[in-house]
Protein backbone atom coordinates (compact mmCIF):
# COMPACT_ATOMS: atom_id res chain seq x y z
CA MET A 1 22.86 -36.10 -6.56
CA GLN A 2 22.15 -32.59 -7.78
CA VAL A 3 20.97 -30.02 -5.23
CA HIS A 4 18.46 -27.34 -6.18
CA SER A 5 17.95 -24.20 -4.17
CA LEU A 6 14.86 -22.05 -4.42
CA GLU A 7 14.90 -18.31 -4.12
CA PHE A 8 12.09 -16.01 -3.01
CA GLU A 9 11.80 -14.72 -6.57
CA ASP A 10 10.93 -18.23 -7.80
CA PHE A 11 7.52 -17.92 -6.17
CA TYR A 12 6.90 -14.28 -6.82
CA GLU A 13 5.62 -12.58 -9.92
CA ASP A 14 6.15 -8.91 -10.63
CA ASN A 15 2.84 -8.67 -12.43
CA TYR A 16 1.63 -5.50 -10.77
CA THR A 17 2.06 -1.76 -10.83
CA LEU A 18 2.65 0.25 -7.67
CA ILE A 19 1.48 3.85 -7.43
CA ALA A 20 2.70 6.02 -4.55
CA ILE A 21 0.43 8.72 -3.11
CA HIS A 22 1.42 11.59 -0.81
CA THR A 23 -1.53 13.01 1.14
CA PRO A 24 -2.51 13.81 4.73
CA LEU A 25 -5.99 12.29 4.20
CA GLU A 26 -7.41 9.40 6.21
CA ASP A 27 -7.76 6.14 4.27
CA PHE A 28 -11.57 6.22 4.00
CA LYS A 29 -11.55 9.81 2.71
CA LEU A 30 -8.87 8.97 0.14
CA ALA A 31 -10.88 5.94 -1.01
CA TYR A 32 -13.95 8.18 -1.39
CA LEU A 33 -12.06 10.78 -3.46
CA LEU A 34 -10.47 8.11 -5.65
CA ASN A 35 -13.88 6.54 -6.26
CA ARG A 36 -15.31 9.90 -7.22
CA ASN A 37 -12.44 10.92 -9.53
CA LEU A 38 -11.36 7.58 -11.02
CA ASN A 39 -14.80 5.94 -11.32
CA THR A 40 -13.56 3.11 -9.13
CA HIS A 41 -15.43 1.34 -6.34
CA PHE A 42 -12.86 0.92 -3.56
CA SER A 43 -14.41 -0.69 -0.51
CA LEU A 44 -12.92 -1.92 2.73
CA ALA A 45 -11.70 -5.50 2.25
CA SER A 46 -12.76 -8.28 4.58
CA PHE A 47 -9.11 -8.92 5.45
CA LYS A 48 -6.19 -6.86 6.73
CA LEU A 49 -2.51 -7.13 6.01
CA ASP A 50 -0.79 -8.20 9.24
CA VAL A 51 2.95 -7.61 9.40
CA GLU A 52 5.07 -9.02 12.20
CA ARG A 53 8.49 -7.56 12.82
CA ARG A 54 10.92 -7.77 15.71
CA GLU A 55 10.03 -4.36 17.13
CA SER A 56 6.27 -4.34 16.51
CA ASN A 57 3.22 -5.89 14.92
CA ALA A 58 1.06 -3.90 12.53
CA SER A 59 -2.29 -4.40 10.86
CA PHE A 60 -2.88 -2.43 7.66
CA PRO A 61 -6.48 -2.09 6.42
CA ILE A 62 -6.92 -2.73 2.71
CA TYR A 63 -9.43 -1.28 0.27
CA ASN A 64 -9.99 -3.28 -2.88
CA TYR A 65 -11.65 -2.85 -6.26
CA ALA A 66 -12.07 -5.40 -9.07
CA ASN A 67 -11.78 -3.65 -12.44
CA GLU A 68 -13.68 -5.99 -14.76
CA LYS A 69 -13.12 -3.83 -17.84
CA TYR A 70 -9.33 -4.29 -17.73
CA ASP A 71 -9.40 -7.61 -15.81
CA ASN A 72 -7.24 -6.48 -12.91
CA ASP A 73 -7.54 -5.98 -9.16
CA TRP A 74 -6.75 -2.74 -7.38
CA TYR A 75 -5.71 -2.38 -3.74
CA LEU A 76 -5.37 0.79 -1.70
CA ILE A 77 -3.21 0.41 1.40
CA ALA A 78 -1.59 2.80 3.87
CA ASN A 79 2.18 2.74 4.20
CA CYS A 80 2.17 3.70 7.89
CA PHE A 81 0.55 2.06 10.93
CA LYS A 82 0.46 4.19 14.10
CA GLU A 83 0.07 2.65 17.51
CA GLU A 84 0.10 4.34 20.89
CA GLN A 85 2.04 2.54 23.57
CA THR A 86 2.35 3.28 27.25
CA ASN A 87 5.26 2.19 29.36
CA GLU A 88 4.18 0.22 32.43
CA ASN A 89 7.09 1.66 34.44
CA ASP A 90 6.18 5.24 33.57
CA THR A 91 4.24 6.75 36.48
CA LEU A 92 2.95 9.64 34.42
CA ALA A 93 1.71 7.26 31.70
CA PHE A 94 2.54 9.43 28.73
CA PRO A 95 1.77 7.41 25.61
CA THR A 96 4.37 7.17 22.88
CA GLU A 97 3.47 6.76 19.25
CA MET A 98 5.07 3.78 17.50
CA MET A 99 5.08 3.95 13.70
CA THR A 100 5.52 0.87 11.53
CA TYR A 101 5.97 1.22 7.77
CA LEU A 102 4.81 -1.37 5.27
CA VAL A 103 7.64 -0.40 2.91
CA PRO A 104 10.30 1.17 5.17
CA GLU A 105 12.47 2.43 2.33
CA GLU A 106 9.54 4.59 1.14
CA LYS A 107 8.73 6.32 4.47
CA ARG A 108 7.58 9.51 2.78
CA VAL A 109 4.82 7.70 0.86
CA ASP A 110 1.47 7.77 2.65
CA TYR A 111 -0.49 5.26 0.52
CA PHE A 112 0.05 2.77 -2.25
CA ILE A 113 -2.27 1.65 -5.01
CA LYS A 114 -1.33 -1.83 -6.16
CA ILE A 115 -2.81 -2.81 -9.53
CA VAL A 116 -2.51 -6.56 -10.09
CA GLY A 117 -2.95 -8.16 -13.50
CA GLU A 118 -2.14 -7.34 -17.09
CA GLN A 119 -0.81 -3.80 -17.23
CA ASP A 120 -2.11 -1.24 -19.67
CA LYS A 121 0.31 1.70 -19.79
CA GLN A 122 -2.45 4.03 -21.00
CA LEU A 123 -4.62 3.06 -18.01
CA ILE A 124 -1.77 3.77 -15.58
CA LYS A 125 -1.02 7.15 -17.20
CA LYS A 126 -4.71 8.09 -17.21
CA THR A 127 -5.03 7.01 -13.57
CA LEU A 128 -2.02 9.11 -12.51
CA ASP A 129 -3.33 12.13 -14.41
CA ARG A 130 -6.71 11.86 -12.66
CA ILE A 131 -5.13 11.37 -9.23
CA LYS A 132 -3.08 14.53 -9.75
CA THR A 133 -6.30 16.53 -10.21
CA ILE A 134 -7.37 15.81 -6.61
CA ASN A 135 -6.45 18.91 -4.60
CA GLN A 136 -5.78 17.05 -1.34
CA ILE A 137 -3.09 14.86 -2.95
CA ALA A 138 0.36 16.45 -3.03
CA ALA A 139 2.01 13.95 -5.40
CA SER A 140 1.50 10.59 -7.10
CA TYR A 141 3.84 8.51 -9.23
CA THR A 142 4.71 4.91 -10.08
CA ILE A 143 7.41 3.06 -8.18
CA ASN A 144 9.79 0.60 -9.79
CA ILE A 145 9.10 -2.49 -7.70
CA ASN A 146 12.43 -4.04 -8.65
CA THR A 147 14.19 -1.39 -6.55
CA LEU A 148 12.25 -2.19 -3.36
CA LYS A 149 14.03 -4.22 -0.70
CA SER A 150 10.86 -5.11 1.20
CA LYS A 151 8.50 -5.94 -1.65
CA GLU A 152 7.59 -9.23 0.07
CA PHE A 153 5.25 -7.20 2.32
CA LEU A 154 3.21 -6.33 -0.78
CA ILE A 155 2.25 -9.95 -1.38
CA PHE A 156 -1.38 -10.48 -0.41
């Protein structure tokens, strides 16, 4: 009898583009500026991306936008989740900040825009050019998703 093994990649399609954004802005302010400059309509999604790891649990809020013109879905998500923790044995009760990254190999990236669906290279280039005009954003660029080790956290 022949044995078949299934790999993670058998269930996963790389049919999306990932844009990295470097900015100190809060997520709601970034969504507002993107809406104003890209003519998008990012709004807070009704769900969050919950990630469970050995050292911590994190809940990343997601902003989404359905682009009907190009028939694709856009998601804005933070790469870092900060949580204050206090040690029960610490008598002074100084909180420590625990940081969990959605994509740990890209720790310098503050936010990602995930564009799911058929990819139009002109749309991506135009989007990057418009993002770069926002003064509060230091840098933006596309990421090759095939180089990411933890791309399974981007499935939602």
